[in-house]
Amino acid sequence: PVQKSQSSLITRKKIERPETFQASSSEQVNTFQKPATFFEFRNSKNQVESFEQAHQEAEELRNSQQVIGNIQRVPQEVQGLQNNQKQIQDFQRIQQETQGLQNAQKHIKILHHVQQEFQGLQNAQKQIQDVHRVQQEFQELQSRQPHIKDLQRAEGVQREHIPTPHH
């Protein structure tokens, strides 16, 4: 049987031995050779197996390179994830601080309201004290009223006895 093997790109025609003819194309070179002996047959079969094995190893190397590339990206991805985690923690901290500020603002409003009520109570207390003072003054005036009436009567009696000059 005639063996066919593929090789890399060659762009010229070449005849090395009369039993071998290589035709070239722009894509690949096909070599057709009739094995002369069992040894050559076995050798060409081994070459095909070696080529298949080399092709498989090349594929495995490409896969390994892809895996290595992926592994090399892992630290960058881990760093990215750590940065994202830090940002999330920063956002959570800001959220907690914002909540604390909102609570403080509510307390300030409550304290302001309490302060207004306290001032209102102080004003009411002053008004009550003013009312008490007015009541005391009024009671004092009431308690003096009989005395004033007595004085007014006494004064009226004295006027009656005092002679007034006649012109």
N, C-alpha and C. Protein backbone atom coordinates (compact mmCIF):
# COMPACT_ATOMS: atom_id res chain seq x y z
N PRO A 1 0.83 -1.20 0.00
CA PRO A 1 0.00 0.00 0.00
C PRO A 1 0.86 1.25 0.00
N VAL A 2 0.32 2.29 -0.56
CA VAL A 2 1.03 3.58 -0.65
C VAL A 2 0.75 4.35 0.62
N GLN A 3 1.81 4.89 1.22
CA GLN A 3 1.67 5.67 2.45
C GLN A 3 1.57 7.14 2.10
N LYS A 4 0.72 7.85 2.84
CA LYS A 4 0.57 9.29 2.63
C LYS A 4 0.85 9.97 3.96
N SER A 5 1.72 10.94 3.95
CA SER A 5 1.99 11.68 5.18
C SER A 5 1.95 13.16 4.87
N GLN A 6 1.65 13.96 5.86
CA GLN A 6 1.56 15.41 5.68
C GLN A 6 2.74 16.06 6.37
N SER A 7 3.23 17.13 5.76
CA SER A 7 4.30 17.88 6.37
C SER A 7 3.93 19.35 6.35
N SER A 8 4.84 20.20 6.82
CA SER A 8 4.55 21.63 6.89
C SER A 8 4.61 22.24 5.50
N LEU A 9 4.35 23.53 5.38
CA LEU A 9 4.26 24.22 4.11
C LEU A 9 5.60 24.22 3.36
N ILE A 10 5.56 23.84 2.12
CA ILE A 10 6.73 23.91 1.22
C ILE A 10 6.21 24.49 -0.09
N THR A 11 6.97 25.39 -0.69
CA THR A 11 6.45 26.07 -1.87
C THR A 11 7.21 25.73 -3.16
N ARG A 12 7.93 24.62 -3.21
CA ARG A 12 8.65 24.22 -4.43
C ARG A 12 8.52 22.71 -4.63
N LYS A 13 8.77 22.32 -5.82
CA LYS A 13 8.72 20.90 -6.15
C LYS A 13 10.10 20.32 -5.92
N LYS A 14 10.11 19.06 -5.45
CA LYS A 14 11.39 18.46 -5.11
C LYS A 14 11.32 16.96 -5.39
N ILE A 15 12.31 16.47 -6.07
CA ILE A 15 12.41 15.03 -6.30
C ILE A 15 13.74 14.60 -5.73
N GLU A 16 13.71 13.80 -4.67
CA GLU A 16 14.95 13.33 -4.04
C GLU A 16 15.34 11.97 -4.58
N ARG A 17 14.38 11.08 -4.64
CA ARG A 17 14.65 9.74 -5.13
C ARG A 17 13.59 9.42 -6.17
N PRO A 18 13.87 8.53 -7.09
CA PRO A 18 12.91 8.25 -8.15
C PRO A 18 11.61 7.66 -7.62
N GLU A 19 11.65 6.94 -6.48
CA GLU A 19 10.42 6.34 -5.97
C GLU A 19 9.57 7.31 -5.15
N THR A 20 10.09 8.53 -4.92
CA THR A 20 9.37 9.51 -4.12
C THR A 20 9.08 10.74 -4.95
N PHE A 21 7.88 11.20 -4.91
CA PHE A 21 7.52 12.43 -5.61
C PHE A 21 6.76 13.33 -4.64
N GLN A 22 7.22 14.56 -4.52
CA GLN A 22 6.53 15.52 -3.64
C GLN A 22 5.94 16.62 -4.50
N ALA A 23 4.67 16.85 -4.30
CA ALA A 23 4.02 17.96 -5.00
C ALA A 23 3.66 19.01 -3.96
N SER A 24 3.93 20.25 -4.29
CA SER A 24 3.67 21.28 -3.29
C SER A 24 2.46 22.10 -3.67
N SER A 25 1.84 22.64 -2.67
CA SER A 25 0.74 23.59 -2.86
C SER A 25 0.98 24.71 -1.85
N SER A 26 0.13 25.68 -1.90
CA SER A 26 0.33 26.79 -0.97
C SER A 26 -0.09 26.41 0.45
N GLU A 27 -0.74 25.28 0.61
CA GLU A 27 -1.23 24.93 1.94
C GLU A 27 -0.41 23.83 2.59
N GLN A 28 -0.19 22.74 1.91
CA GLN A 28 0.54 21.64 2.53
C GLN A 28 1.18 20.78 1.46
N VAL A 29 2.09 19.92 1.92
CA VAL A 29 2.80 19.03 1.00
C VAL A 29 2.40 17.61 1.32
N ASN A 30 2.00 16.89 0.30
CA ASN A 30 1.66 15.47 0.46
C ASN A 30 2.80 14.65 -0.14
N THR A 31 3.25 13.71 0.61
CA THR A 31 4.34 12.85 0.15
C THR A 31 3.79 11.45 -0.03
N PHE A 32 3.97 10.91 -1.21
CA PHE A 32 3.53 9.56 -1.48
C PHE A 32 4.76 8.70 -1.68
N GLN A 33 4.80 7.59 -0.97
CA GLN A 33 5.98 6.72 -1.06
C GLN A 33 5.54 5.28 -0.92
N LYS A 34 6.05 4.45 -1.74
CA LYS A 34 5.74 3.02 -1.66
C LYS A 34 6.82 2.38 -0.82
N PRO A 35 6.47 1.73 0.28
CA PRO A 35 7.49 1.12 1.12
C PRO A 35 8.16 -0.04 0.37
N ALA A 36 9.45 -0.07 0.45
CA ALA A 36 10.22 -1.10 -0.25
C ALA A 36 10.33 -2.36 0.58
N THR A 37 10.41 -2.25 1.92
CA THR A 37 10.59 -3.41 2.77
C THR A 37 9.65 -3.33 3.96
N PHE A 38 9.53 -4.42 4.67
CA PHE A 38 8.73 -4.44 5.89
C PHE A 38 9.28 -3.45 6.91
N PHE A 39 10.62 -3.32 6.96
CA PHE A 39 11.24 -2.38 7.89
C PHE A 39 10.80 -0.94 7.59
N GLU A 40 10.79 -0.61 6.29
CA GLU A 40 10.34 0.73 5.92
C GLU A 40 8.86 0.90 6.24
N PHE A 41 8.06 -0.15 6.02
CA PHE A 41 6.65 -0.09 6.36
C PHE A 41 6.47 0.16 7.86
N ARG A 42 7.23 -0.63 8.63
CA ARG A 42 7.15 -0.48 10.09
C ARG A 42 7.64 0.90 10.50
N ASN A 43 8.69 1.36 9.89
CA ASN A 43 9.25 2.67 10.20
C ASN A 43 8.24 3.78 9.87
N SER A 44 7.58 3.68 8.71
CA SER A 44 6.61 4.71 8.34
C SER A 44 5.40 4.67 9.27
N LYS A 45 5.01 3.45 9.69
CA LYS A 45 3.90 3.33 10.64
C LYS A 45 4.29 3.98 11.96
N ASN A 46 5.50 3.75 12.41
CA ASN A 46 5.99 4.37 13.65
C ASN A 46 6.04 5.89 13.51
N GLN A 47 6.42 6.33 12.28
CA GLN A 47 6.46 7.77 12.07
C GLN A 47 5.05 8.37 12.16
N VAL A 48 4.07 7.68 11.60
CA VAL A 48 2.67 8.14 11.68
C VAL A 48 2.23 8.18 13.14
N GLU A 49 2.54 7.10 13.88
CA GLU A 49 2.18 7.07 15.29
C GLU A 49 2.91 8.17 16.05
N SER A 50 4.18 8.39 15.69
CA SER A 50 4.94 9.46 16.35
C SER A 50 4.33 10.81 16.02
N PHE A 51 3.90 10.98 14.75
CA PHE A 51 3.27 12.22 14.37
C PHE A 51 1.97 12.43 15.14
N GLU A 52 1.15 11.39 15.24
CA GLU A 52 -0.10 11.48 16.00
C GLU A 52 0.18 11.78 17.46
N GLN A 53 1.19 11.13 17.98
CA GLN A 53 1.56 11.36 19.38
C GLN A 53 2.06 12.80 19.55
N ALA A 54 2.90 13.26 18.59
CA ALA A 54 3.40 14.64 18.67
C ALA A 54 2.24 15.62 18.57
N HIS A 55 1.29 15.30 17.65
CA HIS A 55 0.12 16.18 17.51
C HIS A 55 -0.68 16.21 18.81
N GLN A 56 -0.87 15.06 19.43
CA GLN A 56 -1.59 14.97 20.71
C GLN A 56 -0.83 15.73 21.79
N GLU A 57 0.50 15.55 21.84
CA GLU A 57 1.30 16.26 22.84
C GLU A 57 1.24 17.77 22.62
N ALA A 58 1.25 18.18 21.33
CA ALA A 58 1.13 19.61 21.03
C ALA A 58 -0.21 20.14 21.52
N GLU A 59 -1.26 19.36 21.30
CA GLU A 59 -2.60 19.76 21.78
C GLU A 59 -2.61 19.86 23.30
N GLU A 60 -2.00 18.87 23.95
CA GLU A 60 -1.92 18.89 25.41
C GLU A 60 -1.11 20.09 25.90
N LEU A 61 -0.03 20.41 25.17
CA LEU A 61 0.76 21.59 25.53
C LEU A 61 -0.07 22.87 25.40
N ARG A 62 -0.84 22.96 24.29
CA ARG A 62 -1.71 24.14 24.13
C ARG A 62 -2.71 24.23 25.28
N ASN A 63 -3.29 23.09 25.64
CA ASN A 63 -4.23 23.07 26.76
C ASN A 63 -3.53 23.45 28.06
N SER A 64 -2.32 22.93 28.24
CA SER A 64 -1.55 23.27 29.44
C SER A 64 -1.24 24.75 29.49
N GLN A 65 -0.87 25.31 28.31
CA GLN A 65 -0.60 26.75 28.27
C GLN A 65 -1.84 27.55 28.61
N GLN A 66 -2.97 27.07 28.15
CA GLN A 66 -4.23 27.75 28.47
C GLN A 66 -4.50 27.67 29.97
N VAL A 67 -4.28 26.50 30.56
CA VAL A 67 -4.46 26.33 32.00
C VAL A 67 -3.49 27.24 32.76
N ILE A 68 -2.22 27.27 32.30
CA ILE A 68 -1.23 28.12 32.96
C ILE A 68 -1.65 29.59 32.86
N GLY A 69 -2.14 29.98 31.68
CA GLY A 69 -2.63 31.36 31.52
C GLY A 69 -3.77 31.65 32.48
N ASN A 70 -4.67 30.67 32.61
CA ASN A 70 -5.78 30.84 33.56
C ASN A 70 -5.26 30.95 34.98
N ILE A 71 -4.29 30.11 35.32
CA ILE A 71 -3.73 30.13 36.68
C ILE A 71 -3.02 31.45 36.93
N GLN A 72 -2.33 31.97 35.89
CA GLN A 72 -1.63 33.24 36.06
C GLN A 72 -2.61 34.39 36.26
N ARG A 73 -3.81 34.26 35.72
CA ARG A 73 -4.83 35.31 35.92
C ARG A 73 -5.49 35.23 37.29
N VAL A 74 -5.37 34.09 37.97
CA VAL A 74 -6.02 33.90 39.27
C VAL A 74 -5.60 34.98 40.28
N PRO A 75 -4.28 35.28 40.45
CA PRO A 75 -3.93 36.32 41.43
C PRO A 75 -4.55 37.67 41.10
N GLN A 76 -4.62 37.99 39.79
CA GLN A 76 -5.24 39.25 39.40
C GLN A 76 -6.72 39.24 39.74
N GLU A 77 -7.36 38.12 39.48
CA GLU A 77 -8.79 38.02 39.80
C GLU A 77 -9.01 38.06 41.30
N VAL A 78 -8.12 37.40 42.06
CA VAL A 78 -8.21 37.44 43.52
C VAL A 78 -8.05 38.88 43.99
N GLN A 79 -7.06 39.60 43.42
CA GLN A 79 -6.85 41.00 43.79
C GLN A 79 -8.09 41.82 43.46
N GLY A 80 -8.67 41.56 42.29
CA GLY A 80 -9.90 42.26 41.91
C GLY A 80 -11.03 41.97 42.89
N LEU A 81 -11.16 40.71 43.26
CA LEU A 81 -12.20 40.34 44.23
C LEU A 81 -11.95 40.98 45.59
N GLN A 82 -10.67 41.02 46.00
CA GLN A 82 -10.34 41.67 47.27
C GLN A 82 -10.66 43.16 47.21
N ASN A 83 -10.37 43.80 46.08
CA ASN A 83 -10.71 45.21 45.92
C ASN A 83 -12.22 45.41 45.98
N ASN A 84 -12.96 44.51 45.31
CA ASN A 84 -14.42 44.58 45.36
C ASN A 84 -14.93 44.40 46.78
N GLN A 85 -14.33 43.44 47.49
CA GLN A 85 -14.74 43.20 48.88
C GLN A 85 -14.46 44.43 49.74
N LYS A 86 -13.31 45.06 49.52
CA LYS A 86 -12.98 46.28 50.27
C LYS A 86 -13.98 47.38 49.96
N GLN A 87 -14.36 47.52 48.69
CA GLN A 87 -15.35 48.53 48.33
C GLN A 87 -16.69 48.24 49.00
N ILE A 88 -17.08 46.97 49.03
CA ILE A 88 -18.33 46.59 49.69
C ILE A 88 -18.26 46.94 51.17
N GLN A 89 -17.11 46.62 51.80
CA GLN A 89 -16.95 46.96 53.22
C GLN A 89 -17.00 48.47 53.43
N ASP A 90 -16.39 49.22 52.52
CA ASP A 90 -16.45 50.69 52.61
C ASP A 90 -17.88 51.17 52.50
N PHE A 91 -18.63 50.60 51.53
CA PHE A 91 -20.03 50.99 51.37
C PHE A 91 -20.84 50.64 52.62
N GLN A 92 -20.58 49.46 53.19
CA GLN A 92 -21.31 49.07 54.40
C GLN A 92 -20.97 50.01 55.56
N ARG A 93 -19.68 50.38 55.67
CA ARG A 93 -19.27 51.32 56.73
C ARG A 93 -19.95 52.67 56.52
N ILE A 94 -19.97 53.14 55.27
CA ILE A 94 -20.62 54.42 54.97
C ILE A 94 -22.11 54.33 55.28
N GLN A 95 -22.71 53.19 54.96
CA GLN A 95 -24.13 52.99 55.24
C GLN A 95 -24.38 53.04 56.75
N GLN A 96 -23.52 52.39 57.52
CA GLN A 96 -23.67 52.41 58.98
C GLN A 96 -23.46 53.82 59.52
N GLU A 97 -22.46 54.53 58.99
CA GLU A 97 -22.22 55.90 59.45
C GLU A 97 -23.40 56.79 59.09
N THR A 98 -23.96 56.60 57.91
CA THR A 98 -25.13 57.38 57.49
C THR A 98 -26.30 57.09 58.42
N GLN A 99 -26.50 55.82 58.75
CA GLN A 99 -27.57 55.45 59.67
C GLN A 99 -27.34 56.10 61.03
N GLY A 100 -26.09 56.09 61.50
CA GLY A 100 -25.75 56.72 62.78
C GLY A 100 -26.03 58.21 62.73
N LEU A 101 -25.69 58.85 61.61
CA LEU A 101 -25.94 60.29 61.48
C LEU A 101 -27.44 60.58 61.44
N GLN A 102 -28.18 59.71 60.77
CA GLN A 102 -29.64 59.90 60.73
C GLN A 102 -30.23 59.75 62.13
N ASN A 103 -29.74 58.76 62.89
CA ASN A 103 -30.22 58.59 64.27
C ASN A 103 -29.85 59.80 65.11
N ALA A 104 -28.61 60.30 64.94
CA ALA A 104 -28.19 61.48 65.69
C ALA A 104 -29.05 62.68 65.33
N GLN A 105 -29.38 62.80 64.06
CA GLN A 105 -30.24 63.91 63.62
C GLN A 105 -31.63 63.81 64.26
N LYS A 106 -32.16 62.60 64.36
CA LYS A 106 -33.46 62.40 65.03
C LYS A 106 -33.36 62.81 66.50
N HIS A 107 -32.24 62.41 67.16
CA HIS A 107 -32.07 62.77 68.56
C HIS A 107 -31.95 64.28 68.72
N ILE A 108 -31.26 64.93 67.80
CA ILE A 108 -31.13 66.39 67.86
C ILE A 108 -32.50 67.03 67.73
N LYS A 109 -33.32 66.53 66.82
CA LYS A 109 -34.69 67.08 66.66
C LYS A 109 -35.49 66.88 67.94
N ILE A 110 -35.36 65.69 68.53
CA ILE A 110 -36.08 65.42 69.78
C ILE A 110 -35.60 66.37 70.88
N LEU A 111 -34.27 66.54 70.99
CA LEU A 111 -33.72 67.46 72.00
C LEU A 111 -34.17 68.89 71.74
N HIS A 112 -34.23 69.30 70.49
CA HIS A 112 -34.69 70.64 70.15
C HIS A 112 -36.14 70.81 70.58
N HIS A 113 -36.94 69.78 70.31
CA HIS A 113 -38.35 69.82 70.71
C HIS A 113 -38.47 69.89 72.24
N VAL A 114 -37.66 69.07 72.94
CA VAL A 114 -37.67 69.09 74.41
C VAL A 114 -37.24 70.47 74.91
N GLN A 115 -36.24 71.05 74.26
CA GLN A 115 -35.76 72.38 74.66
C GLN A 115 -36.87 73.42 74.47
N GLN A 116 -37.60 73.33 73.37
CA GLN A 116 -38.72 74.25 73.15
C GLN A 116 -39.79 74.07 74.22
N GLU A 117 -40.10 72.82 74.56
CA GLU A 117 -41.09 72.56 75.61
C GLU A 117 -40.60 73.10 76.94
N PHE A 118 -39.31 72.91 77.23
CA PHE A 118 -38.73 73.42 78.48
C PHE A 118 -38.84 74.94 78.55
N GLN A 119 -38.51 75.61 77.44
CA GLN A 119 -38.64 77.07 77.42
C GLN A 119 -40.09 77.50 77.60
N GLY A 120 -41.00 76.73 76.96
CA GLY A 120 -42.42 77.02 77.15
C GLY A 120 -42.83 76.87 78.61
N LEU A 121 -42.32 75.80 79.27
CA LEU A 121 -42.64 75.59 80.69
C LEU A 121 -42.03 76.70 81.55
N GLN A 122 -40.82 77.13 81.21
CA GLN A 122 -40.20 78.23 81.97
C GLN A 122 -41.01 79.51 81.82
N ASN A 123 -41.46 79.78 80.61
CA ASN A 123 -42.31 80.96 80.39
C ASN A 123 -43.61 80.84 81.18
N ALA A 124 -44.20 79.65 81.14
CA ALA A 124 -45.44 79.44 81.90
C ALA A 124 -45.18 79.61 83.39
N GLN A 125 -44.02 79.11 83.87
CA GLN A 125 -43.69 79.26 85.29
C GLN A 125 -43.53 80.74 85.65
N LYS A 126 -42.90 81.51 84.77
CA LYS A 126 -42.77 82.96 85.01
C LYS A 126 -44.14 83.61 85.06
N GLN A 127 -45.02 83.22 84.14
CA GLN A 127 -46.37 83.78 84.14
C GLN A 127 -47.10 83.42 85.43
N ILE A 128 -46.91 82.16 85.87
CA ILE A 128 -47.55 81.74 87.14
C ILE A 128 -46.99 82.56 88.29
N GLN A 129 -45.67 82.78 88.30
CA GLN A 129 -45.07 83.60 89.36
C GLN A 129 -45.60 85.03 89.30
N ASP A 130 -45.76 85.56 88.08
CA ASP A 130 -46.33 86.91 87.93
C ASP A 130 -47.76 86.96 88.47
N VAL A 131 -48.52 85.91 88.14
CA VAL A 131 -49.92 85.86 88.63
C VAL A 131 -49.92 85.78 90.15
N HIS A 132 -49.01 84.98 90.74
CA HIS A 132 -48.93 84.88 92.21
C HIS A 132 -48.57 86.25 92.82
N ARG A 133 -47.62 86.94 92.19
CA ARG A 133 -47.22 88.25 92.71
C ARG A 133 -48.38 89.24 92.65
N VAL A 134 -49.10 89.18 91.50
CA VAL A 134 -50.26 90.07 91.36
C VAL A 134 -51.31 89.71 92.41
N GLN A 135 -51.52 88.40 92.63
CA GLN A 135 -52.49 87.97 93.64
C GLN A 135 -52.07 88.46 95.03
N GLN A 136 -50.78 88.35 95.34
CA GLN A 136 -50.30 88.82 96.65
C GLN A 136 -50.50 90.32 96.78
N GLU A 137 -50.18 91.06 95.74
CA GLU A 137 -50.37 92.51 95.79
C GLU A 137 -51.85 92.84 95.96
N PHE A 138 -52.69 92.08 95.23
CA PHE A 138 -54.12 92.32 95.34
C PHE A 138 -54.62 92.01 96.76
N GLN A 139 -54.12 90.88 97.33
CA GLN A 139 -54.51 90.52 98.70
C GLN A 139 -54.03 91.58 99.68
N GLU A 140 -52.82 92.09 99.44
CA GLU A 140 -52.32 93.16 100.33
C GLU A 140 -53.19 94.39 100.22
N LEU A 141 -53.57 94.70 98.97
CA LEU A 141 -54.46 95.88 98.79
C LEU A 141 -55.81 95.64 99.45
N GLN A 142 -56.29 94.41 99.31
CA GLN A 142 -57.58 94.11 99.94
C GLN A 142 -57.47 94.18 101.46
N SER A 143 -56.32 93.67 101.98
CA SER A 143 -56.18 93.71 103.44
C SER A 143 -55.99 95.15 103.91
N ARG A 144 -55.48 96.05 103.10
CA ARG A 144 -55.29 97.44 103.47
C ARG A 144 -56.56 98.27 103.27
N GLN A 145 -57.46 97.75 102.46
CA GLN A 145 -58.65 98.53 102.15
C GLN A 145 -59.44 98.94 103.39
N PRO A 146 -59.67 98.05 104.35
CA PRO A 146 -60.40 98.53 105.54
C PRO A 146 -59.61 99.62 106.27
N HIS A 147 -58.31 99.48 106.30
CA HIS A 147 -57.48 100.47 106.96
C HIS A 147 -57.54 101.81 106.22
N ILE A 148 -57.57 101.71 104.87
CA ILE A 148 -57.67 102.93 104.07
C ILE A 148 -59.03 103.59 104.32
N LYS A 149 -60.05 102.77 104.37
CA LYS A 149 -61.39 103.33 104.64
C LYS A 149 -61.42 104.01 106.01
N ASP A 150 -60.76 103.36 106.95
CA ASP A 150 -60.69 103.98 108.29
C ASP A 150 -59.96 105.30 108.21
N LEU A 151 -58.88 105.33 107.47
CA LEU A 151 -58.11 106.57 107.32
C LEU A 151 -58.92 107.62 106.58
N GLN A 152 -59.65 107.17 105.57
CA GLN A 152 -60.47 108.13 104.82
C GLN A 152 -61.57 108.70 105.72
N ARG A 153 -62.16 107.91 106.55
CA ARG A 153 -63.19 108.39 107.49
C ARG A 153 -62.59 109.36 108.49
N ALA A 154 -61.41 108.93 108.97
CA ALA A 154 -60.77 109.81 109.94
C ALA A 154 -60.39 111.13 109.29
N GLU A 155 -59.96 111.08 108.08
CA GLU A 155 -59.59 112.30 107.37
C GLU A 155 -60.83 113.14 107.11
N GLY A 156 -61.90 112.48 106.78
CA GLY A 156 -63.17 113.20 106.55
C GLY A 156 -63.64 113.86 107.82
N VAL A 157 -63.47 113.22 108.94
CA VAL A 157 -63.86 113.79 110.22
C VAL A 157 -62.97 114.99 110.52
N GLN A 158 -61.74 114.88 110.26
CA GLN A 158 -60.83 115.99 110.53
C GLN A 158 -61.16 117.16 109.62
N ARG A 159 -61.58 117.00 108.49
CA ARG A 159 -61.91 118.10 107.59
C ARG A 159 -63.15 118.84 108.11
N GLU A 160 -63.98 118.08 108.64
CA GLU A 160 -65.19 118.71 109.17
C GLU A 160 -64.82 119.64 110.32
N HIS A 161 -63.85 119.32 111.09
CA HIS A 161 -63.47 120.11 112.25
C HIS A 161 -62.49 121.21 111.92
N ILE A 162 -61.86 121.14 110.80
CA ILE A 162 -60.89 122.17 110.44
C ILE A 162 -61.68 123.31 109.79
N PRO A 163 -61.46 124.53 110.35
CA PRO A 163 -62.18 125.66 109.74
C PRO A 163 -61.52 126.01 108.41
N THR A 164 -62.32 126.25 107.45
CA THR A 164 -61.81 126.65 106.17
C THR A 164 -61.95 128.17 106.05
N PRO A 165 -60.93 128.84 105.57
CA PRO A 165 -61.01 130.31 105.45
C PRO A 165 -62.04 130.69 104.40
N HIS A 166 -62.78 131.74 104.73
CA HIS A 166 -63.84 132.22 103.85
C HIS A 166 -63.39 133.46 103.17
N HIS A 167 -63.52 133.59 102.04
CA HIS A 167 -63.13 134.79 101.31
C HIS A 167 -64.28 135.58 101.01
